[in-house]
Amino acid sequence: MSEKKHKLELDVQYPDARLESTITPEMVERWVQASLLGPAELAVRFVDAAEGQTLNRDYRGKDYATNVLTFAYNEGAEIGEDEPTCADIVLCTDVLQREAHEQKKTVEEHAAHLVVHGVLHAQGFDHEDDEEAEEMEQLERDIMEALRYPDPYAED
């Protein structure tokens, strides 16, 4: 979450094109850059519920579509100054839109949060226990504030 721009190779994909004109590659790049702690090679992919469910089932053993999946390819490796974070971040458009509506957020706000969340996961952050969750959620709040979005964890 620094002002410094890190070296980034980013591929934004829209196999589910519903958000292509709403959530632009430039927006995604801004969100990713705000979340980076070092160089990265990332793909951010917007998929429909069927693809989201298949990926979640095949790779996590959970047979439903989820909002965001992060596939970190150098997880656990020492990521140095020159070693980029490599990951695919998959957002399910159906879940993203439904959750935004349920949480009374804009699709843009929720997409920004899910991208930030996914990029942090790609860099080794997690929320398996309360301490990790608190640290990760605070980072997400700080990044979202820097991007001028509301606190993603604020109650109505």
N, C-alpha and C. Protein backbone atom coordinates (compact mmCIF):
# COMPACT_ATOMS: atom_id res chain seq x y z
N MET A 1 0.83 -1.19 0.00
CA MET A 1 0.00 0.00 0.00
C MET A 1 0.87 1.25 0.00
N SER A 2 1.81 1.30 -0.87
CA SER A 2 2.71 2.44 -0.90
C SER A 2 2.39 3.32 -2.10
N GLU A 3 2.94 4.52 -2.06
CA GLU A 3 2.78 5.44 -3.18
C GLU A 3 3.62 4.98 -4.37
N LYS A 4 4.69 4.23 -4.08
CA LYS A 4 5.60 3.75 -5.11
C LYS A 4 4.88 2.74 -6.01
N LYS A 5 5.05 2.90 -7.30
CA LYS A 5 4.51 1.92 -8.23
C LYS A 5 5.51 0.78 -8.37
N HIS A 6 4.98 -0.42 -8.20
CA HIS A 6 5.82 -1.60 -8.35
C HIS A 6 5.71 -2.12 -9.77
N LYS A 7 6.76 -2.83 -10.21
CA LYS A 7 6.74 -3.44 -11.54
C LYS A 7 5.58 -4.42 -11.58
N LEU A 8 4.74 -4.26 -12.59
CA LEU A 8 3.53 -5.08 -12.68
C LEU A 8 3.28 -5.50 -14.11
N GLU A 9 3.11 -6.81 -14.27
CA GLU A 9 2.58 -7.35 -15.52
C GLU A 9 1.18 -7.83 -15.18
N LEU A 10 0.18 -7.22 -15.82
CA LEU A 10 -1.21 -7.50 -15.48
C LEU A 10 -2.00 -7.84 -16.73
N ASP A 11 -2.73 -8.93 -16.65
CA ASP A 11 -3.62 -9.35 -17.72
C ASP A 11 -5.03 -9.40 -17.14
N VAL A 12 -5.91 -8.53 -17.62
CA VAL A 12 -7.30 -8.52 -17.16
C VAL A 12 -8.14 -9.21 -18.23
N GLN A 13 -8.87 -10.26 -17.81
CA GLN A 13 -9.62 -11.10 -18.74
C GLN A 13 -11.11 -11.06 -18.40
N TYR A 14 -11.94 -11.08 -19.43
CA TYR A 14 -13.39 -11.03 -19.27
C TYR A 14 -14.08 -12.16 -20.03
N PRO A 15 -13.85 -13.43 -19.66
CA PRO A 15 -14.63 -14.47 -20.33
C PRO A 15 -16.13 -14.29 -20.07
N ASP A 16 -16.49 -13.70 -18.93
CA ASP A 16 -17.85 -13.24 -18.67
C ASP A 16 -17.79 -11.73 -18.86
N ALA A 17 -18.33 -11.25 -19.97
CA ALA A 17 -18.13 -9.85 -20.39
C ALA A 17 -19.08 -8.86 -19.74
N ARG A 18 -19.94 -9.29 -18.82
CA ARG A 18 -20.94 -8.38 -18.26
C ARG A 18 -20.36 -7.14 -17.59
N LEU A 19 -19.18 -7.23 -17.00
CA LEU A 19 -18.60 -6.08 -16.30
C LEU A 19 -17.50 -5.38 -17.10
N GLU A 20 -17.27 -5.83 -18.32
CA GLU A 20 -16.15 -5.31 -19.10
C GLU A 20 -16.20 -3.80 -19.30
N SER A 21 -17.38 -3.23 -19.49
CA SER A 21 -17.45 -1.78 -19.70
C SER A 21 -17.57 -1.02 -18.37
N THR A 22 -17.89 -1.71 -17.30
CA THR A 22 -18.06 -1.08 -15.99
C THR A 22 -16.77 -1.10 -15.17
N ILE A 23 -16.11 -2.25 -15.16
CA ILE A 23 -14.86 -2.44 -14.42
C ILE A 23 -13.74 -2.58 -15.46
N THR A 24 -13.09 -1.47 -15.74
CA THR A 24 -12.10 -1.42 -16.82
C THR A 24 -10.74 -1.94 -16.36
N PRO A 25 -9.91 -2.36 -17.31
CA PRO A 25 -8.55 -2.78 -16.95
C PRO A 25 -7.77 -1.68 -16.20
N GLU A 26 -8.03 -0.42 -16.54
CA GLU A 26 -7.34 0.68 -15.85
C GLU A 26 -7.74 0.75 -14.38
N MET A 27 -9.02 0.51 -14.09
CA MET A 27 -9.47 0.49 -12.70
C MET A 27 -8.81 -0.67 -11.96
N VAL A 28 -8.82 -1.84 -12.57
CA VAL A 28 -8.23 -3.02 -11.94
C VAL A 28 -6.75 -2.78 -11.67
N GLU A 29 -6.04 -2.19 -12.63
CA GLU A 29 -4.62 -1.91 -12.44
C GLU A 29 -4.39 -0.97 -11.26
N ARG A 30 -5.23 0.05 -11.12
CA ARG A 30 -5.12 0.99 -10.00
C ARG A 30 -5.30 0.27 -8.67
N TRP A 31 -6.29 -0.61 -8.60
CA TRP A 31 -6.55 -1.36 -7.36
C TRP A 31 -5.40 -2.31 -7.04
N VAL A 32 -4.90 -2.97 -8.07
CA VAL A 32 -3.78 -3.91 -7.87
C VAL A 32 -2.55 -3.15 -7.38
N GLN A 33 -2.20 -2.07 -8.07
CA GLN A 33 -1.01 -1.28 -7.69
C GLN A 33 -1.10 -0.82 -6.24
N ALA A 34 -2.28 -0.41 -5.81
CA ALA A 34 -2.45 0.07 -4.43
C ALA A 34 -2.22 -1.04 -3.41
N SER A 35 -2.34 -2.29 -3.84
CA SER A 35 -2.25 -3.43 -2.94
C SER A 35 -0.89 -4.11 -2.96
N LEU A 36 -0.02 -3.71 -3.87
CA LEU A 36 1.25 -4.41 -4.05
C LEU A 36 2.32 -3.98 -3.06
N LEU A 37 3.05 -4.96 -2.57
CA LEU A 37 4.20 -4.71 -1.69
C LEU A 37 5.51 -4.91 -2.44
N GLY A 38 5.42 -5.35 -3.70
CA GLY A 38 6.59 -5.61 -4.52
C GLY A 38 6.14 -5.92 -5.94
N PRO A 39 7.06 -6.34 -6.80
CA PRO A 39 6.71 -6.61 -8.19
C PRO A 39 5.75 -7.80 -8.30
N ALA A 40 4.97 -7.81 -9.40
CA ALA A 40 3.99 -8.89 -9.55
C ALA A 40 3.71 -9.17 -11.02
N GLU A 41 3.32 -10.42 -11.26
CA GLU A 41 2.81 -10.87 -12.55
C GLU A 41 1.46 -11.51 -12.24
N LEU A 42 0.38 -10.81 -12.60
CA LEU A 42 -0.96 -11.24 -12.21
C LEU A 42 -1.91 -11.28 -13.39
N ALA A 43 -2.88 -12.17 -13.28
CA ALA A 43 -4.04 -12.16 -14.17
C ALA A 43 -5.25 -12.00 -13.27
N VAL A 44 -6.14 -11.10 -13.67
CA VAL A 44 -7.42 -10.92 -12.99
C VAL A 44 -8.48 -11.31 -14.00
N ARG A 45 -9.31 -12.27 -13.62
CA ARG A 45 -10.25 -12.88 -14.56
C ARG A 45 -11.67 -12.79 -14.00
N PHE A 46 -12.60 -12.26 -14.79
CA PHE A 46 -14.01 -12.18 -14.42
C PHE A 46 -14.76 -13.33 -15.08
N VAL A 47 -15.35 -14.21 -14.25
CA VAL A 47 -16.00 -15.42 -14.77
C VAL A 47 -17.46 -15.48 -14.34
N ASP A 48 -18.22 -16.35 -15.00
CA ASP A 48 -19.62 -16.56 -14.62
C ASP A 48 -19.70 -17.60 -13.51
N ALA A 49 -20.91 -17.85 -13.01
CA ALA A 49 -21.11 -18.75 -11.88
C ALA A 49 -20.65 -20.17 -12.20
N ALA A 50 -20.89 -20.63 -13.42
CA ALA A 50 -20.51 -22.00 -13.77
C ALA A 50 -19.00 -22.20 -13.68
N GLU A 51 -18.23 -21.27 -14.24
CA GLU A 51 -16.76 -21.40 -14.18
C GLU A 51 -16.27 -21.20 -12.75
N GLY A 52 -16.87 -20.25 -12.03
CA GLY A 52 -16.49 -20.03 -10.64
C GLY A 52 -16.74 -21.26 -9.79
N GLN A 53 -17.86 -21.93 -9.99
CA GLN A 53 -18.19 -23.14 -9.24
C GLN A 53 -17.22 -24.27 -9.59
N THR A 54 -16.94 -24.43 -10.87
CA THR A 54 -16.01 -25.48 -11.30
C THR A 54 -14.63 -25.28 -10.68
N LEU A 55 -14.12 -24.06 -10.72
CA LEU A 55 -12.79 -23.79 -10.14
C LEU A 55 -12.79 -24.02 -8.63
N ASN A 56 -13.83 -23.55 -7.95
CA ASN A 56 -13.90 -23.71 -6.51
C ASN A 56 -14.01 -25.20 -6.13
N ARG A 57 -14.78 -25.95 -6.89
CA ARG A 57 -14.94 -27.38 -6.64
C ARG A 57 -13.63 -28.13 -6.92
N ASP A 58 -13.03 -27.86 -8.08
CA ASP A 58 -11.85 -28.61 -8.49
C ASP A 58 -10.60 -28.29 -7.66
N TYR A 59 -10.47 -27.04 -7.19
CA TYR A 59 -9.25 -26.64 -6.50
C TYR A 59 -9.41 -26.46 -5.00
N ARG A 60 -10.64 -26.29 -4.52
CA ARG A 60 -10.84 -26.11 -3.09
C ARG A 60 -11.79 -27.14 -2.49
N GLY A 61 -12.39 -27.98 -3.34
CA GLY A 61 -13.31 -29.01 -2.85
C GLY A 61 -14.63 -28.46 -2.34
N LYS A 62 -14.98 -27.25 -2.77
CA LYS A 62 -16.24 -26.61 -2.35
C LYS A 62 -17.10 -26.39 -3.59
N ASP A 63 -18.24 -27.05 -3.65
CA ASP A 63 -19.04 -27.10 -4.87
C ASP A 63 -20.05 -25.96 -4.97
N TYR A 64 -19.53 -24.74 -4.98
CA TYR A 64 -20.37 -23.55 -5.19
C TYR A 64 -19.46 -22.43 -5.71
N ALA A 65 -20.08 -21.46 -6.36
CA ALA A 65 -19.32 -20.30 -6.83
C ALA A 65 -19.06 -19.39 -5.64
N THR A 66 -17.85 -18.86 -5.55
CA THR A 66 -17.49 -17.93 -4.49
C THR A 66 -17.08 -16.60 -5.11
N ASN A 67 -16.97 -15.55 -4.32
CA ASN A 67 -16.73 -14.22 -4.87
C ASN A 67 -15.34 -14.06 -5.49
N VAL A 68 -14.30 -14.55 -4.81
CA VAL A 68 -12.95 -14.40 -5.36
C VAL A 68 -12.11 -15.62 -4.97
N LEU A 69 -11.33 -16.08 -5.94
CA LEU A 69 -10.37 -17.16 -5.73
C LEU A 69 -8.99 -16.63 -6.11
N THR A 70 -8.00 -16.94 -5.30
CA THR A 70 -6.63 -16.55 -5.61
C THR A 70 -5.78 -17.80 -5.77
N PHE A 71 -5.14 -17.89 -6.91
CA PHE A 71 -4.22 -18.99 -7.18
C PHE A 71 -2.80 -18.40 -7.17
N ALA A 72 -2.13 -18.52 -6.04
CA ALA A 72 -0.78 -17.97 -5.87
C ALA A 72 0.22 -19.05 -6.28
N TYR A 73 1.06 -18.73 -7.26
CA TYR A 73 1.96 -19.73 -7.82
C TYR A 73 3.32 -19.80 -7.16
N ASN A 74 3.68 -18.79 -6.38
CA ASN A 74 4.95 -18.88 -5.66
C ASN A 74 4.71 -18.71 -4.16
N GLU A 75 3.58 -19.23 -3.72
CA GLU A 75 3.20 -19.18 -2.31
C GLU A 75 4.25 -19.90 -1.47
N GLY A 76 4.65 -19.25 -0.39
CA GLY A 76 5.63 -19.85 0.50
C GLY A 76 7.07 -19.61 0.09
N ALA A 77 7.30 -19.18 -1.14
CA ALA A 77 8.67 -18.89 -1.60
C ALA A 77 9.10 -17.54 -1.04
N GLU A 78 10.40 -17.37 -0.88
CA GLU A 78 10.92 -16.07 -0.47
C GLU A 78 10.77 -15.12 -1.64
N ILE A 79 9.92 -14.13 -1.46
CA ILE A 79 9.73 -13.15 -2.53
C ILE A 79 10.63 -11.97 -2.22
N GLY A 80 11.66 -11.85 -3.00
CA GLY A 80 12.62 -10.77 -2.79
C GLY A 80 12.30 -9.58 -3.66
N GLU A 81 13.20 -8.64 -3.66
CA GLU A 81 13.03 -7.41 -4.43
C GLU A 81 12.83 -7.70 -5.92
N ASP A 82 13.50 -8.72 -6.42
CA ASP A 82 13.43 -9.03 -7.85
C ASP A 82 12.46 -10.15 -8.19
N GLU A 83 12.00 -10.88 -7.19
CA GLU A 83 11.12 -12.04 -7.42
C GLU A 83 9.66 -11.60 -7.36
N PRO A 84 8.97 -11.60 -8.49
CA PRO A 84 7.59 -11.11 -8.48
C PRO A 84 6.61 -12.11 -7.87
N THR A 85 5.56 -11.59 -7.30
CA THR A 85 4.41 -12.40 -6.91
C THR A 85 3.73 -12.83 -8.19
N CYS A 86 3.44 -14.12 -8.34
CA CYS A 86 2.76 -14.64 -9.52
C CYS A 86 1.44 -15.27 -9.09
N ALA A 87 0.34 -14.82 -9.68
CA ALA A 87 -0.96 -15.35 -9.26
C ALA A 87 -2.03 -15.05 -10.30
N ASP A 88 -3.08 -15.87 -10.24
CA ASP A 88 -4.32 -15.61 -10.95
C ASP A 88 -5.37 -15.28 -9.89
N ILE A 89 -6.13 -14.24 -10.14
CA ILE A 89 -7.20 -13.84 -9.24
C ILE A 89 -8.49 -13.91 -10.05
N VAL A 90 -9.42 -14.73 -9.58
CA VAL A 90 -10.65 -15.00 -10.31
C VAL A 90 -11.83 -14.44 -9.54
N LEU A 91 -12.56 -13.52 -10.18
CA LEU A 91 -13.76 -12.95 -9.57
C LEU A 91 -14.98 -13.49 -10.29
N CYS A 92 -15.96 -13.94 -9.52
CA CYS A 92 -17.20 -14.46 -10.09
C CYS A 92 -18.21 -13.32 -10.17
N THR A 93 -18.53 -12.92 -11.39
CA THR A 93 -19.42 -11.79 -11.62
C THR A 93 -20.77 -11.97 -10.92
N ASP A 94 -21.35 -13.16 -11.01
CA ASP A 94 -22.67 -13.39 -10.41
C ASP A 94 -22.64 -13.15 -8.90
N VAL A 95 -21.64 -13.70 -8.23
CA VAL A 95 -21.53 -13.56 -6.78
C VAL A 95 -21.19 -12.11 -6.42
N LEU A 96 -20.28 -11.51 -7.17
CA LEU A 96 -19.88 -10.13 -6.93
C LEU A 96 -21.11 -9.21 -7.00
N GLN A 97 -21.91 -9.35 -8.05
CA GLN A 97 -23.09 -8.49 -8.21
C GLN A 97 -24.12 -8.74 -7.12
N ARG A 98 -24.35 -10.02 -6.79
CA ARG A 98 -25.34 -10.35 -5.75
C ARG A 98 -24.90 -9.79 -4.39
N GLU A 99 -23.63 -9.98 -4.04
CA GLU A 99 -23.14 -9.49 -2.76
C GLU A 99 -23.18 -7.97 -2.70
N ALA A 100 -22.81 -7.30 -3.78
CA ALA A 100 -22.85 -5.84 -3.80
C ALA A 100 -24.27 -5.36 -3.49
N HIS A 101 -25.26 -5.99 -4.13
CA HIS A 101 -26.66 -5.63 -3.90
C HIS A 101 -27.05 -5.89 -2.44
N GLU A 102 -26.73 -7.08 -1.94
CA GLU A 102 -27.08 -7.46 -0.57
C GLU A 102 -26.42 -6.54 0.46
N GLN A 103 -25.19 -6.12 0.18
CA GLN A 103 -24.43 -5.29 1.12
C GLN A 103 -24.63 -3.79 0.87
N LYS A 104 -25.51 -3.47 -0.08
CA LYS A 104 -25.82 -2.07 -0.42
C LYS A 104 -24.56 -1.29 -0.80
N LYS A 105 -23.72 -1.94 -1.62
CA LYS A 105 -22.51 -1.33 -2.15
C LYS A 105 -22.65 -1.22 -3.66
N THR A 106 -21.84 -0.37 -4.26
CA THR A 106 -21.81 -0.37 -5.72
C THR A 106 -20.98 -1.57 -6.18
N VAL A 107 -21.22 -1.99 -7.41
CA VAL A 107 -20.42 -3.09 -7.98
C VAL A 107 -18.95 -2.67 -8.02
N GLU A 108 -18.67 -1.42 -8.33
CA GLU A 108 -17.29 -0.94 -8.36
C GLU A 108 -16.63 -1.06 -6.99
N GLU A 109 -17.31 -0.61 -5.93
CA GLU A 109 -16.74 -0.70 -4.59
C GLU A 109 -16.43 -2.14 -4.21
N HIS A 110 -17.38 -3.01 -4.49
CA HIS A 110 -17.19 -4.42 -4.11
C HIS A 110 -16.10 -5.08 -4.96
N ALA A 111 -16.07 -4.78 -6.25
CA ALA A 111 -15.03 -5.33 -7.12
C ALA A 111 -13.66 -4.85 -6.65
N ALA A 112 -13.54 -3.58 -6.31
CA ALA A 112 -12.27 -3.04 -5.82
C ALA A 112 -11.83 -3.80 -4.58
N HIS A 113 -12.75 -4.02 -3.65
CA HIS A 113 -12.41 -4.74 -2.42
C HIS A 113 -11.98 -6.17 -2.72
N LEU A 114 -12.69 -6.85 -3.60
CA LEU A 114 -12.34 -8.24 -3.90
C LEU A 114 -10.98 -8.34 -4.59
N VAL A 115 -10.66 -7.38 -5.45
CA VAL A 115 -9.34 -7.36 -6.09
C VAL A 115 -8.26 -7.13 -5.03
N VAL A 116 -8.47 -6.15 -4.16
CA VAL A 116 -7.51 -5.88 -3.08
C VAL A 116 -7.32 -7.14 -2.24
N HIS A 117 -8.42 -7.77 -1.86
CA HIS A 117 -8.39 -8.98 -1.04
C HIS A 117 -7.59 -10.09 -1.75
N GLY A 118 -7.87 -10.28 -3.03
CA GLY A 118 -7.18 -11.30 -3.80
C GLY A 118 -5.69 -11.03 -3.94
N VAL A 119 -5.33 -9.77 -4.16
CA VAL A 119 -3.91 -9.42 -4.32
C VAL A 119 -3.18 -9.63 -2.99
N LEU A 120 -3.81 -9.31 -1.88
CA LEU A 120 -3.18 -9.56 -0.58
C LEU A 120 -2.97 -11.06 -0.37
N HIS A 121 -3.97 -11.87 -0.72
CA HIS A 121 -3.80 -13.33 -0.63
C HIS A 121 -2.61 -13.78 -1.49
N ALA A 122 -2.49 -13.23 -2.69
CA ALA A 122 -1.40 -13.61 -3.59
C ALA A 122 -0.04 -13.33 -2.98
N GLN A 123 0.00 -12.34 -2.08
CA GLN A 123 1.26 -11.95 -1.45
C GLN A 123 1.45 -12.62 -0.08
N GLY A 124 0.61 -13.60 0.21
CA GLY A 124 0.82 -14.39 1.41
C GLY A 124 -0.03 -14.04 2.61
N PHE A 125 -0.88 -13.02 2.50
CA PHE A 125 -1.77 -12.69 3.61
C PHE A 125 -2.92 -13.68 3.66
N ASP A 126 -3.42 -13.93 4.86
CA ASP A 126 -4.50 -14.89 5.02
C ASP A 126 -5.39 -14.47 6.17
N HIS A 127 -6.47 -15.21 6.37
CA HIS A 127 -7.40 -14.89 7.45
C HIS A 127 -7.89 -16.18 8.11
N GLU A 128 -6.94 -17.12 8.29
CA GLU A 128 -7.27 -18.41 8.88
C GLU A 128 -7.53 -18.32 10.38
N ASP A 129 -6.85 -17.39 11.07
CA ASP A 129 -7.13 -17.22 12.49
C ASP A 129 -7.45 -15.74 12.75
N ASP A 130 -7.91 -15.45 13.96
CA ASP A 130 -8.37 -14.09 14.28
C ASP A 130 -7.28 -13.04 14.11
N GLU A 131 -6.06 -13.36 14.52
CA GLU A 131 -4.97 -12.39 14.41
C GLU A 131 -4.65 -12.08 12.94
N GLU A 132 -4.54 -13.13 12.12
CA GLU A 132 -4.31 -12.94 10.69
C GLU A 132 -5.45 -12.16 10.06
N ALA A 133 -6.69 -12.50 10.43
CA ALA A 133 -7.86 -11.84 9.86
C ALA A 133 -7.84 -10.35 10.19
N GLU A 134 -7.52 -10.02 11.45
CA GLU A 134 -7.47 -8.60 11.85
C GLU A 134 -6.43 -7.84 11.05
N GLU A 135 -5.25 -8.44 10.90
CA GLU A 135 -4.17 -7.78 10.15
C GLU A 135 -4.58 -7.57 8.69
N MET A 136 -5.13 -8.61 8.08
CA MET A 136 -5.50 -8.52 6.67
C MET A 136 -6.64 -7.53 6.47
N GLU A 137 -7.65 -7.58 7.33
CA GLU A 137 -8.79 -6.66 7.20
C GLU A 137 -8.35 -5.21 7.39
N GLN A 138 -7.42 -4.96 8.32
CA GLN A 138 -6.93 -3.59 8.50
C GLN A 138 -6.18 -3.11 7.27
N LEU A 139 -5.37 -3.98 6.68
CA LEU A 139 -4.68 -3.62 5.44
C LEU A 139 -5.70 -3.29 4.34
N GLU A 140 -6.74 -4.12 4.23
CA GLU A 140 -7.78 -3.87 3.24
C GLU A 140 -8.45 -2.53 3.48
N ARG A 141 -8.78 -2.23 4.72
CA ARG A 141 -9.40 -0.93 5.06
C ARG A 141 -8.49 0.22 4.64
N ASP A 142 -7.19 0.11 4.98
CA ASP A 142 -6.22 1.17 4.66
C ASP A 142 -6.09 1.37 3.15
N ILE A 143 -6.03 0.27 2.41
CA ILE A 143 -5.90 0.36 0.95
C ILE A 143 -7.16 0.96 0.35
N MET A 144 -8.32 0.49 0.80
CA MET A 144 -9.58 1.02 0.27
C MET A 144 -9.72 2.52 0.59
N GLU A 145 -9.29 2.93 1.78
CA GLU A 145 -9.33 4.35 2.13
C GLU A 145 -8.41 5.15 1.22
N ALA A 146 -7.20 4.62 0.97
CA ALA A 146 -6.26 5.29 0.07
C ALA A 146 -6.83 5.41 -1.34
N LEU A 147 -7.65 4.44 -1.74
CA LEU A 147 -8.30 4.46 -3.05
C LEU A 147 -9.58 5.30 -3.04
N ARG A 148 -9.92 5.84 -1.88
CA ARG A 148 -11.12 6.68 -1.69
C ARG A 148 -12.43 5.89 -1.80
N TYR A 149 -12.40 4.67 -1.29
CA TYR A 149 -13.60 3.85 -1.19
C TYR A 149 -13.96 3.69 0.28
N PRO A 150 -15.23 3.42 0.58
CA PRO A 150 -15.62 3.24 1.98
C PRO A 150 -15.05 1.94 2.58
N ASP A 151 -15.05 1.90 3.90
CA ASP A 151 -14.59 0.73 4.65
C ASP A 151 -15.42 -0.47 4.21
N PRO A 152 -14.78 -1.50 3.65
CA PRO A 152 -15.55 -2.65 3.17
C PRO A 152 -16.17 -3.49 4.27
N TYR A 153 -15.72 -3.28 5.51
CA TYR A 153 -16.22 -4.07 6.63
C TYR A 153 -17.18 -3.28 7.52
N ALA A 154 -17.48 -2.04 7.15
CA ALA A 154 -18.39 -1.21 7.96
C ALA A 154 -19.80 -1.79 7.90
N GLU A 155 -20.46 -1.78 9.02
CA GLU A 155 -21.86 -2.21 9.07
C GLU A 155 -22.73 -1.05 8.60
N ASP A 156 -23.89 -1.39 8.06
CA ASP A 156 -24.80 -0.35 7.54
C ASP A 156 -25.11 0.69 8.58
